[in-house]
Amino acid sequence: MWKCLECMDVKKAGIFAAGVLFGTAGVKILASKDAKKVYTNCTAAVLRARESVLETVADIQANAEDIYAEAQQINEDRYKEEMPEETEE
């Protein structure tokens, strides 16, 4: 029996026991009321950031639509200017 205990690595067993201990303590910490408050505050911050990003995206999209419309108008004006020249020749 002592030979079996000699084969067992005490360091590895200690690391395993510490892992179980920290795992158990970690679950209790993650489920605590204080942790829930932190989760709630983080979620609220993410939602605020999401709203800000959506507003920025809407502004960029509106600007892109304006740029596209102006570019189309420039091309139409240029095409109209070139058309009389082609018909005269």
PDB file of N, CA and C in Angstrom:
ATOM      1  N   MET A   1       0.810  -1.186   0.000  1.00  0.00           N
ATOM      2  CA  MET A   1       0.000   0.000   0.000  1.00  0.00           C
ATOM      3  C   MET A   1       0.857   1.254   0.000  1.00  0.00           C
ATOM      4  N   TRP A   2       1.973   1.201   0.724  1.00  0.00           N
ATOM      5  CA  TRP A   2       2.849   2.361   0.761  1.00  0.00           C
ATOM      6  C   TRP A   2       3.476   2.615  -0.590  1.00  0.00           C
ATOM      7  N   LYS A   3       3.669   1.535  -1.344  1.00  0.00           N
ATOM      8  CA  LYS A   3       4.231   1.714  -2.681  1.00  0.00           C
ATOM      9  C   LYS A   3       3.269   2.494  -3.565  1.00  0.00           C
ATOM     10  N   CYS A   4       1.987   2.283  -3.385  1.00  0.00           N
ATOM     11  CA  CYS A   4       0.972   3.003  -4.154  1.00  0.00           C
ATOM     12  C   CYS A   4       1.009   4.491  -3.812  1.00  0.00           C
ATOM     13  N   LEU A   5       1.161   4.797  -2.540  1.00  0.00           N
ATOM     14  CA  LEU A   5       1.226   6.200  -2.121  1.00  0.00           C
ATOM     15  C   LEU A   5       2.508   6.857  -2.605  1.00  0.00           C
ATOM     16  N   GLU A   6       3.578   6.083  -2.705  1.00  0.00           N
ATOM     17  CA  GLU A   6       4.835   6.625  -3.195  1.00  0.00           C
ATOM     18  C   GLU A   6       4.727   6.994  -4.676  1.00  0.00           C
ATOM     19  N   CYS A   7       3.903   6.260  -5.414  1.00  0.00           N
ATOM     20  CA  CYS A   7       3.718   6.537  -6.842  1.00  0.00           C
ATOM     21  C   CYS A   7       2.931   7.818  -7.071  1.00  0.00           C
ATOM     22  N   MET A   8       2.069   8.159  -6.113  1.00  0.00           N
ATOM     23  CA  MET A   8       1.219   9.330  -6.284  1.00  0.00           C
ATOM     24  C   MET A   8       2.051  10.596  -6.091  1.00  0.00           C
ATOM     25  N   ASP A   9       1.880  11.519  -6.986  1.00  0.00           N
ATOM     26  CA  ASP A   9       2.619  12.771  -6.916  1.00  0.00           C
ATOM     27  C   ASP A   9       1.848  13.741  -6.015  1.00  0.00           C
ATOM     28  N   VAL A  10       2.449  14.106  -4.897  1.00  0.00           N
ATOM     29  CA  VAL A  10       1.783  14.955  -3.906  1.00  0.00           C
ATOM     30  C   VAL A  10       1.538  16.348  -4.482  1.00  0.00           C
ATOM     31  N   LYS A  11       2.457  16.817  -5.291  1.00  0.00           N
ATOM     32  CA  LYS A  11       2.316  18.151  -5.859  1.00  0.00           C
ATOM     33  C   LYS A  11       1.085  18.219  -6.766  1.00  0.00           C
ATOM     34  N   LYS A  12       0.914  17.200  -7.596  1.00  0.00           N
ATOM     35  CA  LYS A  12      -0.239  17.188  -8.500  1.00  0.00           C
ATOM     36  C   LYS A  12      -1.545  17.083  -7.716  1.00  0.00           C
ATOM     37  N   ALA A  13      -1.535  16.285  -6.662  1.00  0.00           N
ATOM     38  CA  ALA A  13      -2.733  16.149  -5.828  1.00  0.00           C
ATOM     39  C   ALA A  13      -3.057  17.472  -5.143  1.00  0.00           C
ATOM     40  N   GLY A  14      -2.043  18.168  -4.697  1.00  0.00           N
ATOM     41  CA  GLY A  14      -2.249  19.478  -4.067  1.00  0.00           C
ATOM     42  C   GLY A  14      -2.810  20.490  -5.051  1.00  0.00           C
ATOM     43  N   ILE A  15      -2.302  20.478  -6.276  1.00  0.00           N
ATOM     44  CA  ILE A  15      -2.803  21.386  -7.302  1.00  0.00           C
ATOM     45  C   ILE A  15      -4.261  21.066  -7.615  1.00  0.00           C
ATOM     46  N   PHE A  16      -4.586  19.781  -7.695  1.00  0.00           N
ATOM     47  CA  PHE A  16      -5.972  19.372  -7.945  1.00  0.00           C
ATOM     48  C   PHE A  16      -6.883  19.852  -6.817  1.00  0.00           C
ATOM     49  N   ALA A  17      -6.465  19.667  -5.576  1.00  0.00           N
ATOM     50  CA  ALA A  17      -7.277  20.083  -4.424  1.00  0.00           C
ATOM     51  C   ALA A  17      -7.465  21.597  -4.418  1.00  0.00           C
ATOM     52  N   ALA A  18      -6.415  22.330  -4.735  1.00  0.00           N
ATOM     53  CA  ALA A  18      -6.520  23.790  -4.792  1.00  0.00           C
ATOM     54  C   ALA A  18      -7.481  24.210  -5.903  1.00  0.00           C
ATOM     55  N   GLY A  19      -7.443  23.514  -7.026  1.00  0.00           N
ATOM     56  CA  GLY A  19      -8.365  23.812  -8.124  1.00  0.00           C
ATOM     57  C   GLY A  19      -9.808  23.592  -7.733  1.00  0.00           C
ATOM     58  N   VAL A  20     -10.064  22.497  -7.044  1.00  0.00           N
ATOM     59  CA  VAL A  20     -11.428  22.220  -6.573  1.00  0.00           C
ATOM     60  C   VAL A  20     -11.869  23.300  -5.599  1.00  0.00           C
ATOM     61  N   LEU A  21     -10.991  23.702  -4.702  1.00  0.00           N
ATOM     62  CA  LEU A  21     -11.310  24.727  -3.715  1.00  0.00           C
ATOM     63  C   LEU A  21     -11.614  26.057  -4.400  1.00  0.00           C
ATOM     64  N   PHE A  22     -10.743  26.478  -5.300  1.00  0.00           N
ATOM     65  CA  PHE A  22     -10.967  27.741  -6.000  1.00  0.00           C
ATOM     66  C   PHE A  22     -12.194  27.675  -6.899  1.00  0.00           C
ATOM     67  N   GLY A  23     -12.444  26.523  -7.488  1.00  0.00           N
ATOM     68  CA  GLY A  23     -13.640  26.364  -8.312  1.00  0.00           C
ATOM     69  C   GLY A  23     -14.906  26.517  -7.501  1.00  0.00           C
ATOM     70  N   THR A  24     -14.929  25.908  -6.350  1.00  0.00           N
ATOM     71  CA  THR A  24     -16.102  26.011  -5.480  1.00  0.00           C
ATOM     72  C   THR A  24     -16.293  27.446  -4.998  1.00  0.00           C
ATOM     73  N   ALA A  25     -15.203  28.071  -4.573  1.00  0.00           N
ATOM     74  CA  ALA A  25     -15.283  29.463  -4.124  1.00  0.00           C
ATOM     75  C   ALA A  25     -15.678  30.373  -5.291  1.00  0.00           C
ATOM     76  N   GLY A  26     -15.185  30.083  -6.480  1.00  0.00           N
ATOM     77  CA  GLY A  26     -15.509  30.897  -7.655  1.00  0.00           C
ATOM     78  C   GLY A  26     -16.977  30.853  -7.993  1.00  0.00           C
ATOM     79  N   VAL A  27     -17.588  29.675  -7.884  1.00  0.00           N
ATOM     80  CA  VAL A  27     -19.017  29.553  -8.158  1.00  0.00           C
ATOM     81  C   VAL A  27     -19.819  30.374  -7.158  1.00  0.00           C
ATOM     82  N   LYS A  28     -19.433  30.337  -5.906  1.00  0.00           N
ATOM     83  CA  LYS A  28     -20.142  31.113  -4.886  1.00  0.00           C
ATOM     84  C   LYS A  28     -19.970  32.608  -5.128  1.00  0.00           C
ATOM     85  N   ILE A  29     -18.792  33.012  -5.515  1.00  0.00           N
ATOM     86  CA  ILE A  29     -18.542  34.438  -5.790  1.00  0.00           C
ATOM     87  C   ILE A  29     -19.350  34.891  -7.003  1.00  0.00           C
ATOM     88  N   LEU A  30     -19.359  34.083  -8.057  1.00  0.00           N
ATOM     89  CA  LEU A  30     -20.074  34.464  -9.273  1.00  0.00           C
ATOM     90  C   LEU A  30     -21.586  34.530  -9.074  1.00  0.00           C
ATOM     91  N   ALA A  31     -22.100  33.800  -8.102  1.00  0.00           N
ATOM     92  CA  ALA A  31     -23.536  33.788  -7.850  1.00  0.00           C
ATOM     93  C   ALA A  31     -23.952  34.768  -6.750  1.00  0.00           C
ATOM     94  N   SER A  32     -23.040  35.549  -6.226  1.00  0.00           N
ATOM     95  CA  SER A  32     -23.362  36.453  -5.123  1.00  0.00           C
ATOM     96  C   SER A  32     -24.142  37.675  -5.611  1.00  0.00           C
ATOM     97  N   LYS A  33     -24.752  38.388  -4.654  1.00  0.00           N
ATOM     98  CA  LYS A  33     -25.523  39.592  -4.984  1.00  0.00           C
ATOM     99  C   LYS A  33     -24.616  40.684  -5.552  1.00  0.00           C
ATOM    100  N   ASP A  34     -23.424  40.805  -5.004  1.00  0.00           N
ATOM    101  CA  ASP A  34     -22.490  41.815  -5.499  1.00  0.00           C
ATOM    102  C   ASP A  34     -22.109  41.538  -6.950  1.00  0.00           C
ATOM    103  N   ALA A  35     -21.908  40.270  -7.271  1.00  0.00           N
ATOM    104  CA  ALA A  35     -21.560  39.911  -8.643  1.00  0.00           C
ATOM    105  C   ALA A  35     -22.723  40.231  -9.576  1.00  0.00           C
ATOM    106  N   LYS A  36     -23.942  39.986  -9.125  1.00  0.00           N
ATOM    107  CA  LYS A  36     -25.114  40.305  -9.946  1.00  0.00           C
ATOM    108  C   LYS A  36     -25.202  41.796 -10.217  1.00  0.00           C
ATOM    109  N   LYS A  37     -24.851  42.618  -9.220  1.00  0.00           N
ATOM    110  CA  LYS A  37     -24.836  44.070  -9.418  1.00  0.00           C
ATOM    111  C   LYS A  37     -23.812  44.450 -10.485  1.00  0.00           C
ATOM    112  N   VAL A  38     -22.655  43.814 -10.433  1.00  0.00           N
ATOM    113  CA  VAL A  38     -21.619  44.085 -11.435  1.00  0.00           C
ATOM    114  C   VAL A  38     -22.107  43.678 -12.820  1.00  0.00           C
ATOM    115  N   TYR A  39     -22.737  42.510 -12.920  1.00  0.00           N
ATOM    116  CA  TYR A  39     -23.264  42.061 -14.214  1.00  0.00           C
ATOM    117  C   TYR A  39     -24.305  43.039 -14.740  1.00  0.00           C
ATOM    118  N   THR A  40     -25.170  43.518 -13.852  1.00  0.00           N
ATOM    119  CA  THR A  40     -26.221  44.445 -14.263  1.00  0.00           C
ATOM    120  C   THR A  40     -25.621  45.754 -14.750  1.00  0.00           C
ATOM    121  N   ASN A  41     -24.644  46.277 -14.025  1.00  0.00           N
ATOM    122  CA  ASN A  41     -24.015  47.535 -14.437  1.00  0.00           C
ATOM    123  C   ASN A  41     -23.269  47.376 -15.756  1.00  0.00           C
ATOM    124  N   CYS A  42     -22.612  46.260 -15.935  1.00  0.00           N
ATOM    125  CA  CYS A  42     -21.903  46.021 -17.197  1.00  0.00           C
ATOM    126  C   CYS A  42     -22.883  45.906 -18.361  1.00  0.00           C
ATOM    127  N   THR A  43     -23.992  45.222 -18.123  1.00  0.00           N
ATOM    128  CA  THR A  43     -25.002  45.087 -19.176  1.00  0.00           C
ATOM    129  C   THR A  43     -25.599  46.440 -19.525  1.00  0.00           C
ATOM    130  N   ALA A  44     -25.853  47.268 -18.537  1.00  0.00           N
ATOM    131  CA  ALA A  44     -26.381  48.611 -18.781  1.00  0.00           C
ATOM    132  C   ALA A  44     -25.390  49.439 -19.594  1.00  0.00           C
ATOM    133  N   ALA A  45     -24.110  49.322 -19.275  1.00  0.00           N
ATOM    134  CA  ALA A  45     -23.093  50.059 -20.026  1.00  0.00           C
ATOM    135  C   ALA A  45     -23.033  49.591 -21.477  1.00  0.00           C
ATOM    136  N   VAL A  46     -23.157  48.298 -21.686  1.00  0.00           N
ATOM    137  CA  VAL A  46     -23.153  47.760 -23.055  1.00  0.00           C
ATOM    138  C   VAL A  46     -24.358  48.270 -23.832  1.00  0.00           C
ATOM    139  N   LEU A  47     -25.509  48.318 -23.187  1.00  0.00           N
ATOM    140  CA  LEU A  47     -26.707  48.823 -23.857  1.00  0.00           C
ATOM    141  C   LEU A  47     -26.570  50.306 -24.217  1.00  0.00           C
ATOM    142  N   ARG A  48     -25.966  51.086 -23.321  1.00  0.00           N
ATOM    143  CA  ARG A  48     -25.733  52.505 -23.636  1.00  0.00           C
ATOM    144  C   ARG A  48     -24.771  52.648 -24.809  1.00  0.00           C
ATOM    145  N   ALA A  49     -23.737  51.844 -24.807  1.00  0.00           N
ATOM    146  CA  ALA A  49     -22.772  51.892 -25.908  1.00  0.00           C
ATOM    147  C   ALA A  49     -23.441  51.478 -27.210  1.00  0.00           C
ATOM    148  N   ARG A  50     -24.319  50.492 -27.144  1.00  0.00           N
ATOM    149  CA  ARG A  50     -25.035  50.028 -28.337  1.00  0.00           C
ATOM    150  C   ARG A  50     -25.869  51.163 -28.917  1.00  0.00           C
ATOM    151  N   GLU A  51     -26.574  51.892 -28.073  1.00  0.00           N
ATOM    152  CA  GLU A  51     -27.385  53.012 -28.550  1.00  0.00           C
ATOM    153  C   GLU A  51     -26.513  54.073 -29.214  1.00  0.00           C
ATOM    154  N   SER A  52     -25.382  54.349 -28.617  1.00  0.00           N
ATOM    155  CA  SER A  52     -24.469  55.336 -29.194  1.00  0.00           C
ATOM    156  C   SER A  52     -23.957  54.877 -30.556  1.00  0.00           C
ATOM    157  N   VAL A  53     -23.622  53.615 -30.658  1.00  0.00           N
ATOM    158  CA  VAL A  53     -23.124  53.083 -31.928  1.00  0.00           C
ATOM    159  C   VAL A  53     -24.218  53.123 -32.986  1.00  0.00           C
ATOM    160  N   LEU A  54     -25.442  52.783 -32.601  1.00  0.00           N
ATOM    161  CA  LEU A  54     -26.549  52.810 -33.561  1.00  0.00           C
ATOM    162  C   LEU A  54     -26.818  54.227 -34.058  1.00  0.00           C
ATOM    163  N   GLU A  55     -26.709  55.221 -33.187  1.00  0.00           N
ATOM    164  CA  GLU A  55     -26.882  56.615 -33.608  1.00  0.00           C
ATOM    165  C   GLU A  55     -25.785  57.025 -34.583  1.00  0.00           C
ATOM    166  N   THR A  56     -24.566  56.639 -34.293  1.00  0.00           N
ATOM    167  CA  THR A  56     -23.454  56.962 -35.179  1.00  0.00           C
ATOM    168  C   THR A  56     -23.628  56.295 -36.536  1.00  0.00           C
ATOM    169  N   VAL A  57     -24.053  55.046 -36.537  1.00  0.00           N
ATOM    170  CA  VAL A  57     -24.273  54.324 -37.790  1.00  0.00           C
ATOM    171  C   VAL A  57     -25.369  55.006 -38.602  1.00  0.00           C
ATOM    172  N   ALA A  58     -26.425  55.451 -37.953  1.00  0.00           N
ATOM    173  CA  ALA A  58     -27.516  56.136 -38.654  1.00  0.00           C
ATOM    174  C   ALA A  58     -27.006  57.430 -39.294  1.00  0.00           C
ATOM    175  N   ASP A  59     -26.179  58.179 -38.564  1.00  0.00           N
ATOM    176  CA  ASP A  59     -25.607  59.414 -39.118  1.00  0.00           C
ATOM    177  C   ASP A  59     -24.717  59.120 -40.325  1.00  0.00           C
ATOM    178  N   ILE A  60     -23.889  58.102 -40.221  1.00  0.00           N
ATOM    179  CA  ILE A  60     -22.999  57.747 -41.322  1.00  0.00           C
ATOM    180  C   ILE A  60     -23.811  57.289 -42.529  1.00  0.00           C
ATOM    181  N   GLN A  61     -24.856  56.532 -42.288  1.00  0.00           N
ATOM    182  CA  GLN A  61     -25.694  56.057 -43.386  1.00  0.00           C
ATOM    183  C   GLN A  61     -26.386  57.229 -44.078  1.00  0.00           C
ATOM    184  N   ALA A  62     -26.880  58.199 -43.310  1.00  0.00           N
ATOM    185  CA  ALA A  62     -27.511  59.378 -43.903  1.00  0.00           C
ATOM    186  C   ALA A  62     -26.502  60.163 -44.733  1.00  0.00           C
ATOM    187  N   ASN A  63     -25.296  60.323 -44.220  1.00  0.00           N
ATOM    188  CA  ASN A  63     -24.259  61.030 -44.974  1.00  0.00           C
ATOM    189  C   ASN A  63     -23.890  60.283 -46.249  1.00  0.00           C
ATOM    190  N   ALA A  64     -23.827  58.979 -46.178  1.00  0.00           N
ATOM    191  CA  ALA A  64     -23.485  58.188 -47.360  1.00  0.00           C
ATOM    192  C   ALA A  64     -24.578  58.311 -48.418  1.00  0.00           C
ATOM    193  N   GLU A  65     -25.837  58.333 -48.001  1.00  0.00           N
ATOM    194  CA  GLU A  65     -26.933  58.503 -48.955  1.00  0.00           C
ATOM    195  C   GLU A  65     -26.871  59.875 -49.615  1.00  0.00           C
ATOM    196  N   ASP A  66     -26.541  60.919 -48.825  1.00  0.00           N
ATOM    197  CA  ASP A  66     -26.398  62.265 -49.390  1.00  0.00           C
ATOM    198  C   ASP A  66     -25.257  62.317 -50.403  1.00  0.00           C
ATOM    199  N   ILE A  67     -24.149  61.704 -50.062  1.00  0.00           N
ATOM    200  CA  ILE A  67     -22.991  61.692 -50.966  1.00  0.00           C
ATOM    201  C   ILE A  67     -23.343  60.967 -52.250  1.00  0.00           C
ATOM    202  N   TYR A  68     -24.035  59.843 -52.139  1.00  0.00           N
ATOM    203  CA  TYR A  68     -24.422  59.065 -53.308  1.00  0.00           C
ATOM    204  C   TYR A  68     -25.367  59.874 -54.204  1.00  0.00           C
ATOM    205  N   ALA A  69     -26.337  60.555 -53.600  1.00  0.00           N
ATOM    206  CA  ALA A  69     -27.273  61.365 -54.388  1.00  0.00           C
ATOM    207  C   ALA A  69     -26.550  62.509 -55.090  1.00  0.00           C
ATOM    208  N   GLU A  70     -25.633  63.163 -54.397  1.00  0.00           N
ATOM    209  CA  GLU A  70     -24.875  64.252 -55.010  1.00  0.00           C
ATOM    210  C   GLU A  70     -23.987  63.732 -56.139  1.00  0.00           C
ATOM    211  N   ALA A  71     -23.389  62.588 -55.962  1.00  0.00           N
ATOM    212  CA  ALA A  71     -22.548  62.010 -57.010  1.00  0.00           C
ATOM    213  C   ALA A  71     -23.384  61.676 -58.241  1.00  0.00           C
ATOM    214  N   GLN A  72     -24.582  61.151 -58.041  1.00  0.00           N
ATOM    215  CA  GLN A  72     -25.461  60.872 -59.181  1.00  0.00           C
ATOM    216  C   GLN A  72     -25.831  62.159 -59.915  1.00  0.00           C
ATOM    217  N   GLN A  73     -26.101  63.213 -59.144  1.00  0.00           N
ATOM    218  CA  GLN A  73     -26.452  64.493 -59.757  1.00  0.00           C
ATOM    219  C   GLN A  73     -25.277  65.053 -60.553  1.00  0.00           C
ATOM    220  N   ILE A  74     -24.089  64.951 -60.034  1.00  0.00           N
ATOM    221  CA  ILE A  74     -22.896  65.424 -60.755  1.00  0.00           C
ATOM    222  C   ILE A  74     -22.741  64.661 -62.063  1.00  0.00           C
ATOM    223  N   ASN A  75     -22.925  63.353 -62.021  1.00  0.00           N
ATOM    224  CA  ASN A  75     -22.799  62.549 -63.238  1.00  0.00           C
ATOM    225  C   ASN A  75     -23.888  62.895 -64.248  1.00  0.00           C
ATOM    226  N   GLU A  76     -25.100  63.138 -63.794  1.00  0.00           N
ATOM    227  CA  GLU A  76     -26.177  63.527 -64.705  1.00  0.00           C
ATOM    228  C   GLU A  76     -25.887  64.876 -65.349  1.00  0.00           C
ATOM    229  N   ASP A  77     -25.411  65.840 -64.543  1.00  0.00           N
ATOM    230  CA  ASP A  77     -25.069  67.165 -65.085  1.00  0.00           C
ATOM    231  C   ASP A  77     -23.944  67.057 -66.100  1.00  0.00           C
ATOM    232  N   ARG A  78     -22.940  66.268 -65.805  1.00  0.00           N
ATOM    233  CA  ARG A  78     -21.818  66.093 -66.727  1.00  0.00           C
ATOM    234  C   ARG A  78     -22.286  65.434 -68.022  1.00  0.00           C
ATOM    235  N   TYR A  79     -23.153  64.467 -67.904  1.00  0.00           N
ATOM    236  CA  TYR A  79     -23.675  63.776 -69.084  1.00  0.00           C
ATOM    237  C   TYR A  79     -24.470  64.751 -69.948  1.00  0.00           C
ATOM    238  N   LYS A  80     -25.285  65.618 -69.326  1.00  0.00           N
ATOM    239  CA  LYS A  80     -26.066  66.613 -70.072  1.00  0.00           C
ATOM    240  C   LYS A  80     -25.160  67.614 -70.768  1.00  0.00           C
ATOM    241  N   GLU A  81     -24.054  67.989 -70.147  1.00  0.00           N
ATOM    242  CA  GLU A  81     -23.106  68.931 -70.764  1.00  0.00           C
ATOM    243  C   GLU A  81     -22.415  68.301 -71.959  1.00  0.00           C
ATOM    244  N   GLU A  82     -22.124  67.019 -71.912  1.00  0.00           N
ATOM    245  CA  GLU A  82     -21.416  66.349 -72.996  1.00  0.00           C
ATOM    246  C   GLU A  82     -22.354  65.968 -74.160  1.00  0.00           C
ATOM    247  N   MET A  83     -23.598  65.806 -73.892  1.00  0.00           N
ATOM    248  CA  MET A  83     -24.544  65.390 -74.930  1.00  0.00           C
ATOM    249  C   MET A  83     -24.651  66.380 -76.092  1.00  0.00           C
ATOM    250  N   PRO A  84     -24.799  67.694 -75.879  1.00  0.00           N
ATOM    251  CA  PRO A  84     -24.898  68.606 -77.033  1.00  0.00           C
ATOM    252  C   PRO A  84     -23.646  68.580 -77.908  1.00  0.00           C
ATOM    253  N   GLU A  85     -22.486  68.378 -77.313  1.00  0.00           N
ATOM    254  CA  GLU A  85     -21.250  68.320 -78.086  1.00  0.00           C
ATOM    255  C   GLU A  85     -21.258  67.121 -79.040  1.00  0.00           C
ATOM    256  N   GLU A  86     -21.767  66.015 -78.595  1.00  0.00           N
ATOM    257  CA  GLU A  86     -21.797  64.814 -79.414  1.00  0.00           C
ATOM    258  C   GLU A  86     -22.811  64.941 -80.537  1.00  0.00           C
ATOM    259  N   THR A  87     -23.931  65.624 -80.317  1.00  0.00           N
ATOM    260  CA  THR A  87     -24.940  65.757 -81.354  1.00  0.00           C
ATOM    261  C   THR A  87     -24.521  66.762 -82.432  1.00  0.00           C
ATOM    262  N   GLU A  88     -23.681  67.763 -82.104  1.00  0.00           N
ATOM    263  CA  GLU A  88     -23.206  68.750 -83.073  1.00  0.00           C
ATOM    264  C   GLU A  88     -22.197  68.118 -84.045  1.00  0.00           C
ATOM    265  N   GLU A  89     -21.457  67.192 -83.631  1.00  0.00           N
ATOM    266  CA  GLU A  89     -20.428  66.590 -84.467  1.00  0.00           C
ATOM    267  C   GLU A  89     -21.063  65.668 -85.400  1.00  0.00           C
TER     268      GLU A  89
END
